[in-house]
Amino acid sequence: MAKNIHIGLSPLTGTIFAGTAKPVKGNTNGAMQFTGEKVDVTSLALAAVAEKLVKEDRIISWTLADGRTLQLRADYVQKAEPTVIRRCPRCGSSLVATERRPDGNSTCDQGHVFPTASAIGGSHGKN
C-alpha cells in the first residue's frame, strides 16, 4: 500500500512539513493530520517551487476561500557588485564626502581633503 505523503504548513511557526497523513475525521474542508514522523522541508519546498516557476517562465495564481487571488512568480536577480571602499591616501580612513564633478575633492572621516582621484582603492564619484 502506498503511503499518503502530505505537505503542510505549521500555522504557528510557518514551517513547511512533509510526512504521512490521514484526513481529519468529521472535517469536510480536506484537513489532514500527520500520523508519523514529519520532516521540515521548508527550504527544499520553496527552492523547488521557485526553480519550477523560473524554468517555466510563468506566474501561477489561484483563488483563496475568501475570494482573494494569490499569485507566485520567481525571477533571477543580478548579483550585487562588491562595494569598493575608498580610503584617504593620507591616513587610510574611510571617505565621508565626495564632490560629484571632474577633478573634485573628497574628505575623509578625519577631515583630510584630497583630490578624489588620489583615493586608495577606487575611482571617481563613489564612496
N, C-alpha and C. Protein backbone atom coordinates (compact mmCIF):
# COMPACT_ATOMS: atom_id res chain seq x y z
N MET A 1 0.83 -1.17 0.00
CA MET A 1 0.00 0.00 0.00
C MET A 1 0.89 1.24 0.00
N ALA A 2 0.56 2.22 -0.85
CA ALA A 2 1.34 3.46 -0.96
C ALA A 2 1.08 4.35 0.24
N LYS A 3 2.12 5.03 0.68
CA LYS A 3 1.97 5.96 1.78
C LYS A 3 1.28 7.23 1.29
N ASN A 4 0.48 7.82 2.14
CA ASN A 4 -0.19 9.07 1.83
C ASN A 4 0.71 10.21 2.30
N ILE A 5 1.61 10.65 1.42
CA ILE A 5 2.53 11.73 1.76
C ILE A 5 1.78 13.05 1.65
N HIS A 6 1.95 13.89 2.66
CA HIS A 6 1.25 15.16 2.71
C HIS A 6 2.25 16.27 3.01
N ILE A 7 2.00 17.44 2.45
CA ILE A 7 2.79 18.64 2.73
C ILE A 7 1.87 19.58 3.50
N GLY A 8 2.37 20.11 4.60
CA GLY A 8 1.55 21.01 5.40
C GLY A 8 2.36 22.16 5.97
N LEU A 9 1.68 23.25 6.28
CA LEU A 9 2.29 24.44 6.84
C LEU A 9 1.89 24.58 8.29
N SER A 10 2.85 24.75 9.17
CA SER A 10 2.55 24.99 10.58
C SER A 10 2.06 26.43 10.73
N PRO A 11 0.84 26.63 11.24
CA PRO A 11 0.34 27.99 11.41
C PRO A 11 1.08 28.75 12.52
N LEU A 12 1.75 28.03 13.40
CA LEU A 12 2.47 28.68 14.50
C LEU A 12 3.87 29.14 14.11
N THR A 13 4.59 28.30 13.36
CA THR A 13 5.99 28.59 13.07
C THR A 13 6.24 28.98 11.61
N GLY A 14 5.29 28.70 10.72
CA GLY A 14 5.49 28.96 9.30
C GLY A 14 6.38 27.91 8.63
N THR A 15 6.66 26.82 9.32
CA THR A 15 7.49 25.74 8.79
C THR A 15 6.66 24.86 7.88
N ILE A 16 7.24 24.45 6.74
CA ILE A 16 6.58 23.51 5.83
C ILE A 16 7.07 22.12 6.19
N PHE A 17 6.13 21.22 6.46
CA PHE A 17 6.47 19.84 6.83
C PHE A 17 5.98 18.87 5.77
N ALA A 18 6.67 17.73 5.65
CA ALA A 18 6.24 16.62 4.80
C ALA A 18 6.21 15.37 5.67
N GLY A 19 5.23 14.52 5.43
CA GLY A 19 5.13 13.26 6.18
C GLY A 19 3.86 12.54 5.81
N THR A 20 3.66 11.38 6.45
CA THR A 20 2.43 10.63 6.19
C THR A 20 1.29 11.28 6.97
N ALA A 21 0.11 11.28 6.36
CA ALA A 21 -1.03 11.96 6.97
C ALA A 21 -2.31 11.22 6.61
N LYS A 22 -3.35 11.52 7.37
CA LYS A 22 -4.69 10.98 7.10
C LYS A 22 -5.70 12.11 7.27
N PRO A 23 -6.85 11.99 6.62
CA PRO A 23 -7.88 13.03 6.77
C PRO A 23 -8.37 13.11 8.22
N VAL A 24 -8.67 14.32 8.66
CA VAL A 24 -9.23 14.52 9.99
C VAL A 24 -10.70 14.12 9.95
N LYS A 25 -11.10 13.22 10.86
CA LYS A 25 -12.49 12.75 10.88
C LYS A 25 -13.45 13.88 11.16
N GLY A 26 -14.56 13.90 10.43
CA GLY A 26 -15.60 14.88 10.65
C GLY A 26 -15.30 16.25 10.07
N ASN A 27 -14.15 16.42 9.42
CA ASN A 27 -13.79 17.71 8.83
C ASN A 27 -13.98 17.63 7.33
N THR A 28 -14.79 18.50 6.78
CA THR A 28 -15.12 18.43 5.35
C THR A 28 -14.24 19.30 4.47
N ASN A 29 -13.36 20.09 5.04
CA ASN A 29 -12.56 21.01 4.22
C ASN A 29 -11.22 20.42 3.78
N GLY A 30 -11.01 19.13 3.91
CA GLY A 30 -9.79 18.48 3.45
C GLY A 30 -8.63 18.56 4.40
N ALA A 31 -8.88 18.90 5.65
CA ALA A 31 -7.81 18.98 6.63
C ALA A 31 -7.18 17.62 6.85
N MET A 32 -5.85 17.62 7.00
CA MET A 32 -5.11 16.38 7.20
C MET A 32 -4.37 16.45 8.54
N GLN A 33 -4.10 15.26 9.11
CA GLN A 33 -3.36 15.17 10.36
C GLN A 33 -2.17 14.26 10.13
N PHE A 34 -0.97 14.74 10.51
CA PHE A 34 0.22 13.91 10.37
C PHE A 34 0.09 12.72 11.31
N THR A 35 0.45 11.53 10.81
CA THR A 35 0.31 10.31 11.61
C THR A 35 1.64 9.74 12.05
N GLY A 36 2.71 10.17 11.47
CA GLY A 36 4.03 9.65 11.84
C GLY A 36 5.01 10.79 11.89
N GLU A 37 6.25 10.43 11.62
CA GLU A 37 7.31 11.44 11.64
C GLU A 37 7.08 12.45 10.53
N LYS A 38 7.29 13.72 10.85
CA LYS A 38 7.22 14.76 9.84
C LYS A 38 8.58 15.43 9.74
N VAL A 39 8.92 15.90 8.54
CA VAL A 39 10.24 16.44 8.26
C VAL A 39 10.09 17.89 7.79
N ASP A 40 10.94 18.77 8.31
CA ASP A 40 10.96 20.16 7.87
C ASP A 40 11.54 20.22 6.45
N VAL A 41 10.70 20.61 5.49
CA VAL A 41 11.13 20.71 4.09
C VAL A 41 10.98 22.14 3.56
N THR A 42 10.96 23.11 4.47
CA THR A 42 10.70 24.50 4.09
C THR A 42 11.64 24.98 2.97
N SER A 43 12.93 24.90 3.20
CA SER A 43 13.89 25.40 2.20
C SER A 43 13.81 24.62 0.90
N LEU A 44 13.71 23.31 1.01
CA LEU A 44 13.63 22.48 -0.20
C LEU A 44 12.37 22.77 -1.00
N ALA A 45 11.24 22.91 -0.31
CA ALA A 45 9.97 23.17 -0.99
C ALA A 45 9.98 24.53 -1.70
N LEU A 46 10.44 25.56 -0.99
CA LEU A 46 10.48 26.89 -1.58
C LEU A 46 11.43 26.94 -2.78
N ALA A 47 12.59 26.31 -2.66
CA ALA A 47 13.55 26.29 -3.76
C ALA A 47 12.99 25.55 -4.96
N ALA A 48 12.32 24.42 -4.73
CA ALA A 48 11.75 23.65 -5.83
C ALA A 48 10.67 24.44 -6.57
N VAL A 49 9.81 25.10 -5.82
CA VAL A 49 8.75 25.90 -6.45
C VAL A 49 9.36 27.06 -7.23
N ALA A 50 10.33 27.76 -6.64
CA ALA A 50 10.96 28.89 -7.32
C ALA A 50 11.66 28.44 -8.61
N GLU A 51 12.39 27.33 -8.54
CA GLU A 51 13.08 26.83 -9.73
C GLU A 51 12.09 26.43 -10.82
N LYS A 52 10.97 25.82 -10.43
CA LYS A 52 9.93 25.44 -11.40
C LYS A 52 9.34 26.67 -12.08
N LEU A 53 9.03 27.71 -11.29
CA LEU A 53 8.45 28.92 -11.86
C LEU A 53 9.42 29.61 -12.82
N VAL A 54 10.70 29.68 -12.45
CA VAL A 54 11.69 30.30 -13.32
C VAL A 54 11.85 29.49 -14.59
N LYS A 55 11.94 28.17 -14.46
CA LYS A 55 12.12 27.31 -15.63
C LYS A 55 10.96 27.43 -16.60
N GLU A 56 9.74 27.50 -16.07
CA GLU A 56 8.55 27.58 -16.93
C GLU A 56 8.23 29.02 -17.31
N ASP A 57 8.93 30.00 -16.72
CA ASP A 57 8.74 31.42 -17.00
C ASP A 57 7.26 31.80 -16.97
N ARG A 58 6.65 31.54 -15.82
CA ARG A 58 5.24 31.86 -15.71
C ARG A 58 4.88 32.27 -14.29
N ILE A 59 3.69 32.81 -14.17
CA ILE A 59 3.12 33.18 -12.88
C ILE A 59 1.95 32.23 -12.65
N ILE A 60 1.89 31.63 -11.45
CA ILE A 60 0.74 30.81 -11.13
C ILE A 60 -0.15 31.57 -10.16
N SER A 61 -1.45 31.38 -10.29
CA SER A 61 -2.37 32.07 -9.39
C SER A 61 -3.55 31.17 -9.09
N TRP A 62 -4.15 31.39 -7.94
CA TRP A 62 -5.35 30.67 -7.57
C TRP A 62 -6.16 31.53 -6.63
N THR A 63 -7.44 31.20 -6.53
CA THR A 63 -8.35 31.96 -5.69
C THR A 63 -8.49 31.27 -4.35
N LEU A 64 -8.35 32.04 -3.28
CA LEU A 64 -8.48 31.53 -1.92
C LEU A 64 -9.96 31.43 -1.54
N ALA A 65 -10.24 30.74 -0.46
CA ALA A 65 -11.62 30.55 0.00
C ALA A 65 -12.34 31.87 0.26
N ASP A 66 -11.59 32.90 0.66
CA ASP A 66 -12.23 34.20 0.95
C ASP A 66 -12.38 35.08 -0.28
N GLY A 67 -12.02 34.56 -1.46
CA GLY A 67 -12.20 35.29 -2.71
C GLY A 67 -10.97 36.05 -3.20
N ARG A 68 -9.95 36.19 -2.36
CA ARG A 68 -8.72 36.86 -2.79
C ARG A 68 -7.95 35.96 -3.74
N THR A 69 -7.17 36.57 -4.63
CA THR A 69 -6.33 35.82 -5.56
C THR A 69 -4.89 35.90 -5.09
N LEU A 70 -4.22 34.77 -5.09
CA LEU A 70 -2.82 34.68 -4.70
C LEU A 70 -2.01 34.35 -5.94
N GLN A 71 -0.88 35.06 -6.13
CA GLN A 71 -0.01 34.82 -7.28
C GLN A 71 1.41 34.55 -6.82
N LEU A 72 2.08 33.68 -7.54
CA LEU A 72 3.50 33.39 -7.28
C LEU A 72 4.29 33.59 -8.56
N ARG A 73 5.47 34.17 -8.40
CA ARG A 73 6.38 34.40 -9.52
C ARG A 73 7.79 34.31 -8.97
N ALA A 74 8.72 33.86 -9.76
CA ALA A 74 10.12 33.82 -9.35
C ALA A 74 10.97 34.35 -10.49
N ASP A 75 11.96 35.16 -10.14
CA ASP A 75 12.88 35.74 -11.12
C ASP A 75 14.30 35.68 -10.59
N TYR A 76 15.25 35.57 -11.50
CA TYR A 76 16.65 35.69 -11.11
C TYR A 76 16.94 37.16 -10.89
N VAL A 77 17.82 37.47 -9.95
CA VAL A 77 18.24 38.84 -9.73
C VAL A 77 19.74 38.92 -9.98
N GLN A 78 20.18 40.10 -10.41
CA GLN A 78 21.59 40.30 -10.65
C GLN A 78 22.34 40.31 -9.33
N LYS A 79 23.48 39.68 -9.31
CA LYS A 79 24.32 39.69 -8.13
C LYS A 79 24.89 41.09 -7.96
N ALA A 80 24.79 41.62 -6.76
CA ALA A 80 25.27 42.97 -6.49
C ALA A 80 26.79 43.02 -6.63
N GLU A 81 27.25 44.11 -7.20
CA GLU A 81 28.68 44.32 -7.32
C GLU A 81 29.26 44.58 -5.93
N PRO A 82 30.42 44.06 -5.64
CA PRO A 82 31.02 44.34 -4.33
C PRO A 82 31.28 45.83 -4.18
N THR A 83 31.06 46.33 -3.00
CA THR A 83 31.29 47.73 -2.71
C THR A 83 32.78 48.02 -2.68
N VAL A 84 33.17 49.04 -3.43
CA VAL A 84 34.57 49.44 -3.43
C VAL A 84 34.73 50.48 -2.33
N ILE A 85 35.52 50.17 -1.36
CA ILE A 85 35.76 51.11 -0.27
C ILE A 85 37.01 51.90 -0.60
N ARG A 86 36.82 53.19 -0.71
CA ARG A 86 37.95 54.05 -0.98
C ARG A 86 38.41 54.68 0.32
N ARG A 87 39.70 54.89 0.41
CA ARG A 87 40.28 55.39 1.66
C ARG A 87 41.16 56.61 1.39
N CYS A 88 41.32 57.36 2.44
CA CYS A 88 42.15 58.56 2.41
C CYS A 88 43.61 58.16 2.14
N PRO A 89 44.29 58.82 1.17
CA PRO A 89 45.68 58.48 0.91
C PRO A 89 46.62 58.96 2.03
N ARG A 90 46.15 59.85 2.86
CA ARG A 90 46.98 60.37 3.94
C ARG A 90 46.93 59.49 5.19
N CYS A 91 45.69 59.11 5.64
CA CYS A 91 45.58 58.37 6.91
C CYS A 91 44.91 57.00 6.76
N GLY A 92 44.34 56.70 5.60
CA GLY A 92 43.70 55.40 5.40
C GLY A 92 42.27 55.32 5.89
N SER A 93 41.70 56.41 6.40
CA SER A 93 40.32 56.42 6.89
C SER A 93 39.33 56.35 5.73
N SER A 94 38.10 55.97 6.05
CA SER A 94 37.05 55.92 5.05
C SER A 94 36.66 57.31 4.59
N LEU A 95 36.17 57.37 3.34
CA LEU A 95 35.70 58.64 2.80
C LEU A 95 34.31 58.92 3.33
N VAL A 96 34.01 60.17 3.59
CA VAL A 96 32.67 60.55 4.05
C VAL A 96 31.99 61.49 3.08
N ALA A 97 32.73 62.14 2.21
CA ALA A 97 32.13 63.05 1.24
C ALA A 97 32.99 63.08 -0.02
N THR A 98 32.31 63.10 -1.16
CA THR A 98 32.99 63.19 -2.44
C THR A 98 32.25 64.18 -3.31
N GLU A 99 32.96 65.14 -3.89
CA GLU A 99 32.35 66.08 -4.81
C GLU A 99 32.03 65.35 -6.11
N ARG A 100 30.83 65.60 -6.64
CA ARG A 100 30.39 64.93 -7.87
C ARG A 100 30.70 65.81 -9.08
N ARG A 101 31.99 65.96 -9.37
CA ARG A 101 32.42 66.73 -10.53
C ARG A 101 33.80 66.23 -10.93
N PRO A 102 34.15 66.41 -12.20
CA PRO A 102 35.50 66.02 -12.61
C PRO A 102 36.53 66.78 -11.79
N ASP A 103 37.58 66.14 -11.44
CA ASP A 103 38.67 66.73 -10.65
C ASP A 103 38.19 67.26 -9.31
N GLY A 104 37.12 66.64 -8.73
CA GLY A 104 36.60 67.06 -7.43
C GLY A 104 37.45 66.55 -6.29
N ASN A 105 37.11 66.99 -5.11
CA ASN A 105 37.83 66.59 -3.90
C ASN A 105 36.98 65.66 -3.05
N SER A 106 37.64 64.90 -2.21
CA SER A 106 36.97 64.04 -1.23
C SER A 106 37.46 64.44 0.15
N THR A 107 36.66 64.08 1.16
CA THR A 107 37.02 64.35 2.55
C THR A 107 36.88 63.04 3.32
N CYS A 108 37.88 62.73 4.14
CA CYS A 108 37.81 61.50 4.94
C CYS A 108 37.15 61.81 6.28
N ASP A 109 36.89 60.76 7.07
CA ASP A 109 36.23 60.97 8.36
C ASP A 109 37.15 61.64 9.39
N GLN A 110 38.44 61.85 9.05
CA GLN A 110 39.36 62.59 9.92
C GLN A 110 39.48 64.05 9.49
N GLY A 111 38.77 64.44 8.41
CA GLY A 111 38.77 65.82 7.96
C GLY A 111 39.79 66.17 6.89
N HIS A 112 40.57 65.19 6.42
CA HIS A 112 41.56 65.48 5.38
C HIS A 112 40.85 65.67 4.04
N VAL A 113 41.22 66.69 3.31
CA VAL A 113 40.67 66.96 1.98
C VAL A 113 41.75 66.64 0.97
N PHE A 114 41.38 65.92 -0.09
CA PHE A 114 42.35 65.50 -1.10
C PHE A 114 41.63 65.27 -2.42
N PRO A 115 42.38 65.28 -3.54
CA PRO A 115 41.75 65.01 -4.84
C PRO A 115 41.15 63.60 -4.85
N THR A 116 39.91 63.50 -5.30
CA THR A 116 39.22 62.20 -5.33
C THR A 116 40.03 61.16 -6.09
N ALA A 117 40.65 61.56 -7.17
CA ALA A 117 41.42 60.63 -7.99
C ALA A 117 42.57 59.99 -7.22
N SER A 118 43.01 60.59 -6.13
CA SER A 118 44.13 60.02 -5.38
C SER A 118 43.67 59.07 -4.27
N ALA A 119 42.35 58.87 -4.14
CA ALA A 119 41.84 57.95 -3.10
C ALA A 119 42.35 56.54 -3.34
N ILE A 120 42.61 55.82 -2.26
CA ILE A 120 43.14 54.45 -2.35
C ILE A 120 41.96 53.48 -2.50
N GLY A 121 42.02 52.61 -3.50
CA GLY A 121 41.05 51.53 -3.63
C GLY A 121 39.86 51.82 -4.53
N GLY A 122 39.79 52.93 -5.19
CA GLY A 122 38.64 53.18 -6.05
C GLY A 122 38.90 54.34 -6.96
N SER A 123 37.85 54.68 -7.69
CA SER A 123 37.98 55.80 -8.61
C SER A 123 36.87 56.80 -8.36
N HIS A 124 36.66 57.66 -9.28
CA HIS A 124 35.80 58.82 -9.16
C HIS A 124 34.38 58.53 -8.70
N GLY A 125 33.87 59.44 -7.85
CA GLY A 125 32.45 59.59 -7.61
C GLY A 125 31.74 58.66 -6.67
N LYS A 126 32.28 57.57 -6.21
CA LYS A 126 31.52 56.68 -5.34
C LYS A 126 32.24 56.50 -4.02
N ASN A 127 31.46 56.51 -2.92
CA ASN A 127 32.04 56.28 -1.60
C ASN A 127 32.11 54.81 -1.33
